C-alpha cells in the first residue's frame, strides 16, 4: 500500500517537490517499506520516537525534525536529525549551534513561520522572520536553508491558501537579501489535506503522513 501510494503521489507531484513522510506513530517496518518506495526523507515530531527508529534504520533515511523542539531535547536531536524544520527562536538556535559544536557538525535548519499568527501554535510571526534569520546567520554550526509553515488547521485547503502565499512571498523577499550564511532552498508547506494547494503556491517540500501510510489504526 505504501509503495502504491508513493507511486501515485510521484506521478502527481512535480519532480522538484521533495516528499517528507511524516511518520509520527508509524513503525520502523512501515518506514522501511517507505524507503523501498524511493522516499528517503522521514519527518518525526518527537525526539524519543525518532531515536528509536533511527536506532533500527540509521542513515538509510534522511531524518527531519518537524515537531516543536524543546531545549532539553536538542542534544539528542542534533545527533539524530539531518535537518531541523522547526527553529522559531534565537534561544533554540543558540542551543542547536552549541550542541553541534560539541560533535563537530553543521546542521541545516528551517524557520517555522506562524503564518496564521495563532497564539496556541509554535513558530515566528511573519514580521519577525527576517530579524530571526539575521540573528542566526553568524552561528557557525547552523545554516538556514528554508522556511516551513503549517497554516490554520482546517480540511478546507482553500482556507489555507492565503497563509501559504504569505510565506512564499516572505521566502522570496528574504532570498533577495542575500544574507551571508543563509541559502534559502526549501519552502516546506503542505500536508496530506493541503499539499495540492501548497504546491500551487510555490512549495517544493511537502510533509505527508496519512496519504502515504493510510489512516492510523
N, C-alpha and C. Protein backbone atom coordinates (compact mmCIF):
# COMPACT_ATOMS: atom_id res chain seq x y z
N UNK A 1 0.82 -1.21 0.00
CA UNK A 1 0.00 0.00 0.00
C UNK A 1 0.86 1.26 0.00
N UNK A 2 1.89 1.28 0.84
CA UNK A 2 2.76 2.45 0.94
C UNK A 2 3.44 2.73 -0.40
N UNK A 3 3.96 1.68 -1.02
CA UNK A 3 4.66 1.84 -2.30
C UNK A 3 3.70 2.35 -3.37
N UNK A 4 2.47 1.80 -3.39
CA UNK A 4 1.45 2.26 -4.34
C UNK A 4 1.10 3.73 -4.12
N UNK A 5 0.92 4.10 -2.87
CA UNK A 5 0.56 5.48 -2.54
C UNK A 5 1.66 6.45 -2.97
N UNK A 6 2.90 6.07 -2.74
CA UNK A 6 4.02 6.93 -3.14
C UNK A 6 4.09 7.04 -4.66
N UNK A 7 3.86 5.93 -5.34
CA UNK A 7 3.90 5.95 -6.81
C UNK A 7 2.84 6.91 -7.36
N UNK A 8 1.66 6.86 -6.75
CA UNK A 8 0.58 7.75 -7.18
C UNK A 8 0.95 9.22 -6.94
N UNK A 9 1.52 9.48 -5.78
CA UNK A 9 1.92 10.86 -5.45
C UNK A 9 3.02 11.36 -6.38
N UNK A 10 3.98 10.50 -6.64
CA UNK A 10 5.09 10.89 -7.51
C UNK A 10 4.60 11.25 -8.92
N UNK A 11 3.60 10.49 -9.38
CA UNK A 11 3.03 10.77 -10.71
C UNK A 11 2.32 12.13 -10.72
N UNK A 12 1.79 12.50 -9.58
CA UNK A 12 1.01 13.74 -9.48
C UNK A 12 1.89 14.97 -9.22
N UNK A 13 2.92 14.80 -8.43
CA UNK A 13 3.73 15.95 -7.99
C UNK A 13 4.84 16.27 -8.99
N UNK A 14 5.18 17.54 -9.14
CA UNK A 14 6.34 17.89 -9.98
C UNK A 14 7.62 17.27 -9.41
N UNK A 15 8.58 17.03 -10.28
CA UNK A 15 9.83 16.36 -9.87
C UNK A 15 10.59 17.14 -8.80
N UNK A 16 10.44 18.46 -8.81
CA UNK A 16 11.24 19.28 -7.89
C UNK A 16 10.69 19.27 -6.45
N UNK A 17 9.54 18.64 -6.24
CA UNK A 17 8.95 18.62 -4.90
C UNK A 17 9.49 17.43 -4.10
N UNK A 18 10.11 17.71 -2.96
CA UNK A 18 10.59 16.66 -2.07
C UNK A 18 9.46 16.19 -1.16
N UNK A 19 9.25 14.89 -1.12
CA UNK A 19 8.26 14.31 -0.20
C UNK A 19 8.97 13.97 1.11
N UNK A 20 8.49 14.56 2.19
CA UNK A 20 8.93 14.17 3.54
C UNK A 20 7.79 13.37 4.15
N UNK A 21 8.04 12.12 4.45
CA UNK A 21 6.99 11.26 5.02
C UNK A 21 6.88 11.51 6.51
N UNK A 22 5.73 12.01 6.94
CA UNK A 22 5.50 12.31 8.35
C UNK A 22 5.14 11.00 9.05
N UNK A 23 6.09 10.48 9.83
CA UNK A 23 5.96 9.09 10.31
C UNK A 23 5.66 8.99 11.81
N UNK A 24 5.10 10.05 12.37
CA UNK A 24 4.71 10.00 13.79
C UNK A 24 3.79 8.81 14.05
N UNK A 25 4.10 8.01 15.05
CA UNK A 25 3.38 6.80 15.49
C UNK A 25 3.48 5.62 14.51
N UNK A 26 4.18 5.80 13.39
CA UNK A 26 4.34 4.68 12.45
C UNK A 26 5.50 3.80 12.90
N UNK A 27 5.47 2.55 12.49
CA UNK A 27 6.50 1.61 12.94
C UNK A 27 7.75 1.71 12.06
N UNK A 28 8.84 1.15 12.57
CA UNK A 28 10.07 1.07 11.79
C UNK A 28 9.85 0.25 10.52
N UNK A 29 9.03 -0.79 10.60
CA UNK A 29 8.72 -1.60 9.41
C UNK A 29 8.04 -0.76 8.33
N UNK A 30 7.12 0.10 8.76
CA UNK A 30 6.45 0.98 7.78
C UNK A 30 7.45 1.94 7.14
N UNK A 31 8.38 2.44 7.94
CA UNK A 31 9.40 3.35 7.38
C UNK A 31 10.30 2.59 6.40
N UNK A 32 10.62 1.34 6.70
CA UNK A 32 11.43 0.54 5.78
C UNK A 32 10.69 0.31 4.45
N UNK A 33 9.38 0.08 4.52
CA UNK A 33 8.58 -0.02 3.29
C UNK A 33 8.65 1.28 2.51
N UNK A 34 8.59 2.38 3.23
CA UNK A 34 8.69 3.70 2.61
C UNK A 34 10.00 3.84 1.85
N UNK A 35 11.10 3.43 2.47
CA UNK A 35 12.41 3.53 1.83
C UNK A 35 12.45 2.69 0.55
N UNK A 36 11.76 1.55 0.57
CA UNK A 36 11.67 0.72 -0.64
C UNK A 36 10.95 1.43 -1.78
N UNK A 37 10.10 2.40 -1.41
CA UNK A 37 9.35 3.14 -2.44
C UNK A 37 10.19 4.23 -3.08
N UNK A 38 11.37 4.49 -2.50
CA UNK A 38 12.24 5.54 -3.04
C UNK A 38 12.21 6.84 -2.26
N UNK A 39 11.29 6.97 -1.31
CA UNK A 39 11.26 8.17 -0.45
C UNK A 39 12.23 7.94 0.71
N UNK A 40 13.19 8.85 0.84
CA UNK A 40 14.18 8.67 1.92
C UNK A 40 14.07 9.75 2.99
N UNK A 41 13.26 10.77 2.74
CA UNK A 41 13.11 11.85 3.72
C UNK A 41 11.99 11.51 4.69
N UNK A 42 12.34 11.40 5.97
CA UNK A 42 11.40 10.97 7.00
C UNK A 42 11.29 12.06 8.06
N UNK A 43 10.05 12.49 8.33
CA UNK A 43 9.82 13.55 9.31
C UNK A 43 9.29 12.99 10.61
N UNK A 44 9.93 13.36 11.71
CA UNK A 44 9.49 12.91 13.03
C UNK A 44 9.17 14.12 13.92
N UNK A 45 8.12 13.97 14.72
CA UNK A 45 7.69 15.05 15.63
C UNK A 45 8.38 15.00 16.98
N UNK A 46 8.73 13.79 17.41
CA UNK A 46 9.26 13.63 18.76
C UNK A 46 10.65 13.00 18.73
N UNK A 47 11.56 13.58 19.52
CA UNK A 47 12.94 13.12 19.53
C UNK A 47 13.04 11.66 19.97
N UNK A 48 12.31 11.29 21.01
CA UNK A 48 12.41 9.92 21.52
C UNK A 48 11.95 8.90 20.49
N UNK A 49 10.86 9.19 19.81
CA UNK A 49 10.36 8.27 18.78
C UNK A 49 11.35 8.20 17.62
N UNK A 50 11.90 9.34 17.25
CA UNK A 50 12.90 9.37 16.17
C UNK A 50 14.12 8.54 16.55
N UNK A 51 14.52 8.64 17.81
CA UNK A 51 15.71 7.91 18.29
C UNK A 51 15.50 6.40 18.16
N UNK A 52 14.31 5.94 18.50
CA UNK A 52 14.01 4.50 18.42
C UNK A 52 14.09 4.00 16.97
N UNK A 53 13.52 4.78 16.05
CA UNK A 53 13.54 4.36 14.64
C UNK A 53 14.94 4.52 14.05
N UNK A 54 15.61 5.59 14.43
CA UNK A 54 16.97 5.82 13.93
C UNK A 54 17.90 4.68 14.34
N UNK A 55 17.68 4.16 15.54
CA UNK A 55 18.50 3.05 16.04
C UNK A 55 18.37 1.83 15.12
N UNK A 56 17.17 1.61 14.57
CA UNK A 56 16.91 0.45 13.72
C UNK A 56 17.24 0.71 12.25
N UNK A 57 17.09 1.95 11.82
CA UNK A 57 17.18 2.25 10.38
C UNK A 57 18.45 3.02 10.03
N UNK A 58 18.92 3.84 10.96
CA UNK A 58 20.17 4.58 10.74
C UNK A 58 20.08 5.58 9.61
N UNK A 59 21.21 5.76 8.91
CA UNK A 59 21.24 6.80 7.89
C UNK A 59 20.80 6.32 6.51
N UNK A 60 20.05 5.23 6.49
CA UNK A 60 19.38 4.88 5.23
C UNK A 60 18.30 5.91 4.91
N UNK A 61 17.80 6.56 5.96
CA UNK A 61 16.82 7.65 5.78
C UNK A 61 17.50 8.98 6.07
N UNK A 62 16.90 10.05 5.54
CA UNK A 62 17.31 11.41 5.89
C UNK A 62 16.26 11.93 6.87
N UNK A 63 16.67 12.19 8.09
CA UNK A 63 15.73 12.46 9.19
C UNK A 63 15.49 13.95 9.36
N UNK A 64 14.21 14.32 9.32
CA UNK A 64 13.80 15.72 9.51
C UNK A 64 13.07 15.85 10.84
N UNK A 65 13.42 16.85 11.62
CA UNK A 65 12.63 17.19 12.80
C UNK A 65 11.52 18.13 12.36
N UNK A 66 10.26 17.68 12.48
CA UNK A 66 9.14 18.51 12.03
C UNK A 66 8.19 18.87 13.17
N UNK A 67 8.58 18.52 14.40
CA UNK A 67 7.78 18.88 15.57
C UNK A 67 8.49 19.94 16.39
N UNK A 68 7.76 20.57 17.28
CA UNK A 68 8.35 21.59 18.15
C UNK A 68 9.49 20.99 18.97
N UNK A 69 10.63 21.64 18.93
CA UNK A 69 11.82 21.11 19.59
C UNK A 69 12.06 21.84 20.91
N UNK A 70 12.04 21.06 22.00
CA UNK A 70 12.31 21.65 23.31
C UNK A 70 13.82 21.70 23.54
N UNK A 71 14.22 22.71 24.30
CA UNK A 71 15.65 22.95 24.51
C UNK A 71 16.35 21.74 25.14
N UNK A 72 15.66 21.07 26.05
CA UNK A 72 16.29 19.93 26.73
C UNK A 72 16.40 18.69 25.84
N UNK A 73 15.85 18.75 24.63
CA UNK A 73 15.94 17.62 23.69
C UNK A 73 16.96 17.87 22.58
N UNK A 74 17.55 19.06 22.58
CA UNK A 74 18.41 19.44 21.45
C UNK A 74 19.65 18.56 21.36
N UNK A 75 20.26 18.23 22.48
CA UNK A 75 21.50 17.43 22.48
C UNK A 75 21.30 16.14 21.68
N UNK A 76 20.21 15.43 21.97
CA UNK A 76 19.91 14.18 21.27
C UNK A 76 19.46 14.46 19.84
N UNK A 77 18.69 15.52 19.66
CA UNK A 77 18.16 15.84 18.33
C UNK A 77 19.26 16.05 17.30
N UNK A 78 20.31 16.77 17.67
CA UNK A 78 21.35 17.06 16.68
C UNK A 78 22.17 15.81 16.33
N UNK A 79 22.12 14.81 17.19
CA UNK A 79 22.79 13.54 16.88
C UNK A 79 21.99 12.73 15.86
N UNK A 80 20.66 12.87 15.90
CA UNK A 80 19.78 12.05 15.07
C UNK A 80 19.43 12.71 13.75
N UNK A 81 19.02 13.97 13.82
CA UNK A 81 18.40 14.61 12.66
C UNK A 81 19.43 15.15 11.68
N UNK A 82 19.04 15.12 10.40
CA UNK A 82 19.84 15.70 9.33
C UNK A 82 19.38 17.12 9.00
N UNK A 83 18.16 17.45 9.39
CA UNK A 83 17.61 18.77 9.13
C UNK A 83 16.54 19.06 10.18
N UNK A 84 16.56 20.26 10.73
CA UNK A 84 15.55 20.66 11.72
C UNK A 84 14.68 21.74 11.09
N UNK A 85 13.38 21.43 10.93
CA UNK A 85 12.47 22.33 10.21
C UNK A 85 11.77 23.34 11.12
N UNK A 86 12.00 23.27 12.42
CA UNK A 86 11.10 23.98 13.34
C UNK A 86 11.81 24.96 14.27
N UNK A 87 12.84 25.63 13.78
CA UNK A 87 13.51 26.65 14.60
C UNK A 87 12.61 27.89 14.66
N UNK A 88 12.33 28.36 15.87
CA UNK A 88 11.44 29.52 15.99
C UNK A 88 11.90 30.54 17.02
N UNK A 89 13.16 30.43 17.47
CA UNK A 89 13.68 31.43 18.40
C UNK A 89 15.21 31.41 18.36
N UNK A 90 15.80 32.53 18.73
CA UNK A 90 17.25 32.60 18.82
C UNK A 90 17.77 31.67 19.91
N UNK A 91 16.99 31.53 20.97
CA UNK A 91 17.39 30.66 22.09
C UNK A 91 17.57 29.22 21.62
N UNK A 92 16.63 28.71 20.85
CA UNK A 92 16.73 27.32 20.39
C UNK A 92 17.86 27.20 19.35
N UNK A 93 18.03 28.23 18.52
CA UNK A 93 19.11 28.22 17.53
C UNK A 93 20.47 28.19 18.21
N UNK A 94 20.63 28.99 19.26
CA UNK A 94 21.89 29.01 20.00
C UNK A 94 22.20 27.65 20.62
N UNK A 95 21.16 27.00 21.13
CA UNK A 95 21.35 25.68 21.75
C UNK A 95 21.75 24.65 20.69
N UNK A 96 21.11 24.71 19.52
CA UNK A 96 21.45 23.80 18.42
C UNK A 96 22.91 24.03 18.01
N UNK A 97 23.28 25.29 17.86
CA UNK A 97 24.64 25.64 17.47
C UNK A 97 25.66 25.11 18.49
N UNK A 98 25.36 25.30 19.77
CA UNK A 98 26.26 24.86 20.84
C UNK A 98 26.43 23.34 20.83
N UNK A 99 25.30 22.63 20.72
CA UNK A 99 25.36 21.17 20.75
C UNK A 99 26.04 20.61 19.50
N UNK A 100 25.85 21.26 18.36
CA UNK A 100 26.52 20.82 17.14
C UNK A 100 28.03 21.05 17.23
N UNK A 101 28.42 22.12 17.90
CA UNK A 101 29.86 22.41 18.07
C UNK A 101 30.54 21.27 18.82
N UNK A 102 29.85 20.71 19.81
CA UNK A 102 30.43 19.62 20.60
C UNK A 102 30.72 18.38 19.75
N UNK A 103 29.89 18.16 18.73
CA UNK A 103 30.07 16.95 17.92
C UNK A 103 30.61 17.27 16.52
N UNK A 104 31.07 18.51 16.36
CA UNK A 104 31.68 18.94 15.09
C UNK A 104 30.75 18.70 13.90
N UNK A 105 29.54 19.20 14.02
CA UNK A 105 28.52 19.01 12.99
C UNK A 105 27.93 20.36 12.61
N UNK A 106 27.65 20.54 11.34
CA UNK A 106 26.90 21.72 10.89
C UNK A 106 25.56 21.22 10.39
N UNK A 107 24.48 21.78 10.90
CA UNK A 107 23.16 21.24 10.58
C UNK A 107 22.32 22.28 9.84
N UNK A 108 21.66 21.88 8.77
CA UNK A 108 20.72 22.78 8.10
C UNK A 108 19.43 22.91 8.91
N UNK A 109 18.91 24.12 8.97
CA UNK A 109 17.66 24.36 9.69
C UNK A 109 16.72 25.19 8.83
N UNK A 110 15.45 25.11 9.19
CA UNK A 110 14.43 25.96 8.58
C UNK A 110 13.74 26.74 9.69
N UNK A 111 13.22 27.88 9.32
CA UNK A 111 12.50 28.71 10.28
C UNK A 111 11.01 28.37 10.17
N UNK A 112 10.41 28.03 11.30
CA UNK A 112 8.97 27.76 11.30
C UNK A 112 8.22 29.08 11.41
N UNK A 113 7.39 29.35 10.41
CA UNK A 113 6.63 30.59 10.34
C UNK A 113 5.20 30.34 10.83
N UNK A 114 4.78 31.09 11.81
CA UNK A 114 3.39 31.02 12.28
C UNK A 114 2.58 31.97 11.40
N UNK A 115 2.29 31.48 10.19
CA UNK A 115 1.74 32.35 9.14
C UNK A 115 0.33 32.84 9.47
N UNK A 116 -0.41 32.08 10.27
CA UNK A 116 -1.77 32.49 10.64
C UNK A 116 -1.80 33.25 11.97
N UNK A 117 -0.62 33.47 12.54
CA UNK A 117 -0.49 34.25 13.78
C UNK A 117 -1.36 33.68 14.90
N UNK A 118 -1.30 32.37 15.07
CA UNK A 118 -2.11 31.69 16.09
C UNK A 118 -1.32 31.60 17.39
N UNK A 119 -1.89 32.13 18.46
CA UNK A 119 -1.19 32.18 19.74
C UNK A 119 -0.89 30.80 20.32
N UNK A 120 -1.70 29.80 19.95
CA UNK A 120 -1.52 28.46 20.52
C UNK A 120 -0.56 27.60 19.69
N UNK A 121 0.08 28.20 18.68
CA UNK A 121 0.98 27.42 17.82
C UNK A 121 2.40 27.94 17.91
N UNK A 122 3.33 27.02 17.67
CA UNK A 122 4.75 27.41 17.60
C UNK A 122 5.00 28.19 16.31
N UNK A 123 6.18 28.73 16.22
CA UNK A 123 6.56 29.45 15.00
C UNK A 123 6.70 30.94 15.24
N UNK A 124 7.40 31.58 14.32
CA UNK A 124 7.67 33.02 14.39
C UNK A 124 6.61 33.75 13.58
N UNK A 125 6.09 34.84 14.12
CA UNK A 125 5.15 35.65 13.35
C UNK A 125 5.90 36.20 12.12
N UNK A 126 5.20 36.32 10.99
CA UNK A 126 5.86 36.68 9.73
C UNK A 126 6.76 37.91 9.82
N UNK A 127 6.32 38.93 10.56
CA UNK A 127 7.10 40.18 10.59
C UNK A 127 8.42 40.06 11.35
N UNK A 128 8.62 38.94 12.05
CA UNK A 128 9.86 38.75 12.82
C UNK A 128 10.82 37.74 12.19
N UNK A 129 10.43 37.18 11.05
CA UNK A 129 11.23 36.10 10.45
C UNK A 129 12.59 36.61 9.96
N UNK A 130 12.58 37.71 9.24
CA UNK A 130 13.84 38.26 8.72
C UNK A 130 14.81 38.60 9.85
N UNK A 131 14.28 39.19 10.91
CA UNK A 131 15.10 39.55 12.07
C UNK A 131 15.75 38.30 12.68
N UNK A 132 14.96 37.23 12.82
CA UNK A 132 15.50 36.00 13.41
C UNK A 132 16.57 35.39 12.53
N UNK A 133 16.31 35.34 11.23
CA UNK A 133 17.30 34.77 10.30
C UNK A 133 18.61 35.56 10.36
N UNK A 134 18.49 36.87 10.43
CA UNK A 134 19.69 37.72 10.50
C UNK A 134 20.47 37.46 11.79
N UNK A 135 19.75 37.24 12.89
CA UNK A 135 20.41 36.95 14.17
C UNK A 135 21.10 35.58 14.16
N UNK A 136 20.48 34.63 13.47
CA UNK A 136 21.01 33.27 13.43
C UNK A 136 22.20 33.15 12.48
N UNK A 137 22.23 33.99 11.45
CA UNK A 137 23.19 33.80 10.34
C UNK A 137 24.66 33.72 10.76
N UNK A 138 25.11 34.40 11.83
CA UNK A 138 26.53 34.26 12.19
C UNK A 138 26.88 32.93 12.87
N UNK A 139 25.89 32.16 13.30
CA UNK A 139 26.17 30.92 14.03
C UNK A 139 26.90 29.93 13.11
N UNK A 140 28.01 29.40 13.59
CA UNK A 140 28.91 28.63 12.72
C UNK A 140 28.41 27.22 12.42
N UNK A 141 27.57 26.68 13.28
CA UNK A 141 27.19 25.27 13.13
C UNK A 141 25.74 25.09 12.66
N UNK A 142 25.19 26.18 12.13
CA UNK A 142 23.82 26.17 11.59
C UNK A 142 23.85 26.84 10.22
N UNK A 143 23.12 26.27 9.27
CA UNK A 143 22.87 27.00 8.03
C UNK A 143 21.36 27.04 7.80
N UNK A 144 20.84 28.24 7.57
CA UNK A 144 19.40 28.40 7.34
C UNK A 144 19.11 28.12 5.87
N UNK A 145 18.28 27.10 5.63
CA UNK A 145 18.07 26.65 4.25
C UNK A 145 16.62 26.77 3.78
N UNK A 146 15.73 27.28 4.65
CA UNK A 146 14.35 27.39 4.18
C UNK A 146 13.39 27.88 5.23
N UNK A 147 12.13 27.95 4.81
CA UNK A 147 11.01 28.29 5.69
C UNK A 147 10.02 27.14 5.69
N UNK A 148 9.36 26.97 6.83
CA UNK A 148 8.32 25.96 6.98
C UNK A 148 7.10 26.61 7.59
N UNK A 149 5.92 26.22 7.12
CA UNK A 149 4.70 26.68 7.78
C UNK A 149 3.63 25.61 7.72
N UNK A 150 2.67 25.72 8.64
CA UNK A 150 1.53 24.81 8.66
C UNK A 150 0.26 25.49 8.18
N UNK A 151 0.03 26.72 8.61
CA UNK A 151 -1.25 27.36 8.35
C UNK A 151 -2.29 26.84 9.33
N UNK A 152 -3.47 27.43 9.33
CA UNK A 152 -4.51 27.02 10.28
C UNK A 152 -4.99 25.59 10.01
N UNK A 153 -5.45 24.93 11.06
CA UNK A 153 -5.93 23.55 10.95
C UNK A 153 -7.35 23.56 10.38
N UNK A 154 -7.49 23.07 9.16
CA UNK A 154 -8.80 23.00 8.51
C UNK A 154 -8.74 21.96 7.40
N UNK A 155 -9.88 21.34 7.11
CA UNK A 155 -9.95 20.40 5.99
C UNK A 155 -10.16 21.11 4.66
N UNK A 156 -10.49 22.40 4.73
CA UNK A 156 -10.76 23.16 3.50
C UNK A 156 -9.46 23.81 3.05
N UNK A 157 -8.82 23.19 2.08
CA UNK A 157 -7.47 23.62 1.71
C UNK A 157 -7.44 25.06 1.19
N UNK A 158 -8.54 25.51 0.57
CA UNK A 158 -8.56 26.89 0.06
C UNK A 158 -8.42 27.92 1.17
N UNK A 159 -8.86 27.56 2.38
CA UNK A 159 -8.75 28.49 3.50
C UNK A 159 -7.29 28.70 3.92
N UNK A 160 -6.44 27.76 3.56
CA UNK A 160 -5.02 27.85 3.92
C UNK A 160 -4.23 28.67 2.91
N UNK A 161 -4.76 28.77 1.69
CA UNK A 161 -4.01 29.38 0.58
C UNK A 161 -3.38 30.74 0.93
N UNK A 162 -4.13 31.68 1.54
CA UNK A 162 -3.52 33.00 1.82
C UNK A 162 -2.28 32.92 2.70
N UNK A 163 -2.26 31.95 3.62
CA UNK A 163 -1.14 31.82 4.55
C UNK A 163 0.08 31.20 3.86
N UNK A 164 -0.20 30.30 2.93
CA UNK A 164 0.88 29.71 2.14
C UNK A 164 1.48 30.77 1.22
N UNK A 165 0.62 31.56 0.62
CA UNK A 165 1.08 32.63 -0.28
C UNK A 165 1.94 33.64 0.48
N UNK A 166 1.48 34.00 1.66
CA UNK A 166 2.23 34.93 2.52
C UNK A 166 3.63 34.40 2.80
N UNK A 167 3.72 33.11 3.11
CA UNK A 167 5.01 32.50 3.44
C UNK A 167 5.91 32.46 2.21
N UNK A 168 5.33 32.17 1.05
CA UNK A 168 6.14 32.16 -0.18
C UNK A 168 6.70 33.55 -0.47
N UNK A 169 5.87 34.58 -0.30
CA UNK A 169 6.35 35.95 -0.56
C UNK A 169 7.48 36.32 0.40
N UNK A 170 7.32 35.89 1.65
CA UNK A 170 8.36 36.12 2.65
C UNK A 170 9.66 35.43 2.24
N UNK A 171 9.53 34.20 1.78
CA UNK A 171 10.67 33.41 1.29
C UNK A 171 11.40 34.17 0.18
N UNK A 172 10.62 34.68 -0.77
CA UNK A 172 11.21 35.38 -1.92
C UNK A 172 11.90 36.68 -1.48
N UNK A 173 11.26 37.40 -0.57
CA UNK A 173 11.84 38.66 -0.08
C UNK A 173 13.16 38.42 0.65
N UNK A 174 13.18 37.38 1.49
CA UNK A 174 14.40 37.10 2.27
C UNK A 174 15.51 36.58 1.36
N UNK A 175 15.15 35.77 0.37
CA UNK A 175 16.15 35.25 -0.57
C UNK A 175 16.85 36.41 -1.30
N UNK A 176 16.10 37.46 -1.60
CA UNK A 176 16.68 38.62 -2.30
C UNK A 176 17.71 39.37 -1.45
N UNK A 177 17.61 39.24 -0.13
CA UNK A 177 18.51 39.97 0.77
C UNK A 177 19.95 39.46 0.71
N UNK A 178 20.11 38.22 0.23
CA UNK A 178 21.45 37.61 0.13
C UNK A 178 22.25 37.74 1.44
N UNK A 179 21.64 37.26 2.51
CA UNK A 179 22.28 37.32 3.83
C UNK A 179 23.39 36.26 3.89
N UNK A 180 24.55 36.66 4.37
CA UNK A 180 25.68 35.72 4.46
C UNK A 180 25.34 34.56 5.39
N UNK A 181 25.65 33.35 4.94
CA UNK A 181 25.37 32.16 5.74
C UNK A 181 23.95 31.64 5.59
N UNK A 182 23.16 32.29 4.74
CA UNK A 182 21.77 31.88 4.52
C UNK A 182 21.60 31.48 3.06
N UNK A 183 21.09 30.28 2.84
CA UNK A 183 20.89 29.79 1.47
C UNK A 183 19.50 29.17 1.40
N UNK A 184 18.50 30.00 1.14
CA UNK A 184 17.12 29.51 1.14
C UNK A 184 16.88 28.63 -0.08
N UNK A 185 16.66 27.34 0.18
CA UNK A 185 16.39 26.38 -0.89
C UNK A 185 15.00 25.77 -0.78
N UNK A 186 14.52 25.61 0.46
CA UNK A 186 13.31 24.82 0.67
C UNK A 186 12.17 25.66 1.24
N UNK A 187 11.02 25.47 0.66
CA UNK A 187 9.78 26.04 1.18
C UNK A 187 8.89 24.85 1.54
N UNK A 188 8.88 24.54 2.83
CA UNK A 188 8.19 23.34 3.31
C UNK A 188 6.76 23.71 3.71
N UNK A 189 5.83 23.43 2.81
CA UNK A 189 4.42 23.76 3.05
C UNK A 189 3.55 22.66 2.46
N UNK A 190 2.49 22.32 3.17
CA UNK A 190 1.54 21.36 2.64
C UNK A 190 1.62 20.02 3.33
N UNK A 191 0.43 19.53 3.74
CA UNK A 191 0.32 18.22 4.36
C UNK A 191 -0.71 17.42 3.55
N UNK A 192 -1.14 16.29 4.08
CA UNK A 192 -1.99 15.40 3.28
C UNK A 192 -3.25 16.09 2.76
N UNK A 193 -3.81 17.01 3.55
CA UNK A 193 -5.06 17.65 3.13
C UNK A 193 -4.83 18.93 2.32
N UNK A 194 -3.58 19.39 2.23
CA UNK A 194 -3.36 20.71 1.62
C UNK A 194 -2.19 20.74 0.63
N UNK A 195 -1.62 19.58 0.30
CA UNK A 195 -0.39 19.61 -0.49
C UNK A 195 -0.59 20.14 -1.90
N UNK A 196 -1.77 19.91 -2.48
CA UNK A 196 -2.00 20.39 -3.85
C UNK A 196 -1.97 21.92 -3.89
N UNK A 197 -2.70 22.53 -2.98
CA UNK A 197 -2.73 24.00 -2.89
C UNK A 197 -1.33 24.52 -2.57
N UNK A 198 -0.63 23.83 -1.68
CA UNK A 198 0.72 24.27 -1.29
C UNK A 198 1.67 24.30 -2.49
N UNK A 199 1.61 23.27 -3.32
CA UNK A 199 2.49 23.22 -4.50
C UNK A 199 2.10 24.33 -5.48
N UNK A 200 0.81 24.58 -5.62
CA UNK A 200 0.36 25.70 -6.47
C UNK A 200 0.93 27.02 -5.96
N UNK A 201 1.10 27.11 -4.65
CA UNK A 201 1.59 28.36 -4.05
C UNK A 201 3.12 28.39 -3.89
N UNK A 202 3.80 27.43 -4.48
CA UNK A 202 5.26 27.52 -4.53
C UNK A 202 6.03 26.56 -3.64
N UNK A 203 5.34 25.69 -2.92
CA UNK A 203 6.04 24.74 -2.05
C UNK A 203 6.91 23.79 -2.88
N UNK A 204 8.11 23.51 -2.38
CA UNK A 204 8.93 22.47 -3.02
C UNK A 204 9.28 21.34 -2.04
N UNK A 205 8.55 21.33 -0.91
CA UNK A 205 8.71 20.25 0.07
C UNK A 205 7.38 20.07 0.78
N UNK A 206 6.85 18.85 0.75
CA UNK A 206 5.56 18.58 1.40
C UNK A 206 5.74 17.51 2.47
N UNK A 207 4.98 17.65 3.56
CA UNK A 207 5.10 16.73 4.70
C UNK A 207 3.82 15.88 4.74
N UNK A 208 3.93 14.64 4.30
CA UNK A 208 2.74 13.82 4.08
C UNK A 208 2.74 12.60 4.99
N UNK A 209 1.64 12.38 5.68
CA UNK A 209 1.51 11.22 6.56
C UNK A 209 0.43 10.27 6.10
N UNK A 210 -0.82 10.63 6.38
CA UNK A 210 -1.97 9.75 6.10
C UNK A 210 -2.03 9.30 4.64
N UNK A 211 -1.74 10.21 3.73
CA UNK A 211 -1.89 9.89 2.30
C UNK A 211 -0.83 8.87 1.85
N UNK A 212 0.23 8.72 2.62
CA UNK A 212 1.25 7.70 2.33
C UNK A 212 0.99 6.42 3.11
N UNK A 213 0.80 6.57 4.42
CA UNK A 213 0.73 5.41 5.32
C UNK A 213 -0.69 4.89 5.55
N UNK A 214 -1.70 5.68 5.17
CA UNK A 214 -3.08 5.31 5.48
C UNK A 214 -3.49 5.86 6.84
N UNK A 215 -4.77 5.71 7.16
CA UNK A 215 -5.27 6.19 8.45
C UNK A 215 -4.59 5.43 9.59
N UNK A 216 -4.35 6.14 10.68
CA UNK A 216 -3.77 5.48 11.86
C UNK A 216 -4.77 4.49 12.44
N UNK A 217 -4.26 3.35 12.87
CA UNK A 217 -5.14 2.32 13.45
C UNK A 217 -5.58 2.72 14.85
